[in-house]
Amino acid sequence: MSEIDKSRFARLLKPRSIVVFGGAGARYAIVESQKLGFDGEIWAVHPSHSEMAGVKCYPSIADLPGVPDAAYVAVNAEAAMEIVGQLSEIGCGGAVLYASGFAEVGEEGAERQRLLVERAGSMPMIGPNCYGVLNCLDKAVLWPDQHGSKAVDKGVAVITQSGNIGLNITMQRRGLPLAFMFTMGNQANVGVADVMDALLDDPRITAIGLHIEGLSDIHHFDAVCRRALEKRIPVVAAKNGRSEAAAKIAMSHTSSLTGSDKLLMHCSSVWGLPGWIRWKN
């Protein structure tokens, strides 16, 4: 994550203030954060509403009473690009982009995503084209829907590129305590390995689960997995795209280029600790 400000990323992962943009999805982020017990500041920006779910709406980013740690952006692609640029300029910790219409839709979308990353500058983004992030440790719900998670003091972090899989996992009645749920989408400027690296600095994380369509930096991923091994944090990974049809689906879903499993299988065998590093297609 060489071009991303890690101190800003830390604020996004442990926010004390949240701002939301959009309609129904933004409203859910407010309601579900309150329900989970978030006790920090929550603001909303909307040009025509005075309040949303009991929270005051501000007409613009310039009118906010402070600089947010985390932003949930549930608007269309063009509006999202403008919002991201403004958030970056005021020093927002980071943004989670529910907005779609970027690299997953072809050349025009890929150019739009390039401009999005340019406007973000050093501000980290989860997404775009992602469902959101659930933080059950700090009780921050950057998520456009109901979910089955509960507040916990420690637990497992799950990182997936599928919002549907992420949502379904939160609804499981049997399973490990869920500390974080990340849905990564297109990984425009923050990848799976970046999130893993940051989570390894949090003593509340007991294990990491991965559902992967594509990795933006395999060397970084390798280094982070070795770091997890040193810290004795189990990592369990599942990868999509083994068949030609599945690879095409991954490309249209999150613009992920799926590749060979050989390096990842090699890493697992070299480490020689199947109890710590697990790999499954």
Foldseek 3Di string as FASTA:
>chain_A
DVFADVVLQVCQLQPQEEEEEDDLQRLCQVVQLVVQPQDHYYEYEDQPDQDHVRHGYDPDPVPDPAQTSEYQYEDELVVLLVNLLVNQVRPHSAYEAQYDQAQLPDDVRPVSLVSSCVSNGNHDYQAHNWQAKAALANSGGSGRDDAQAHRDPAWAEEEEQDNVVLRVVRNDPDDIHYRMYGHRFQPSPHWPLNVLQVVVVPPRHQAYEYEEAATPDVVSNLVSLVVCVVVQHAYAYEYWDPDPVRQVVSCNNRNHRDDDCVVVVVSCVVVVCCVRYHYYD
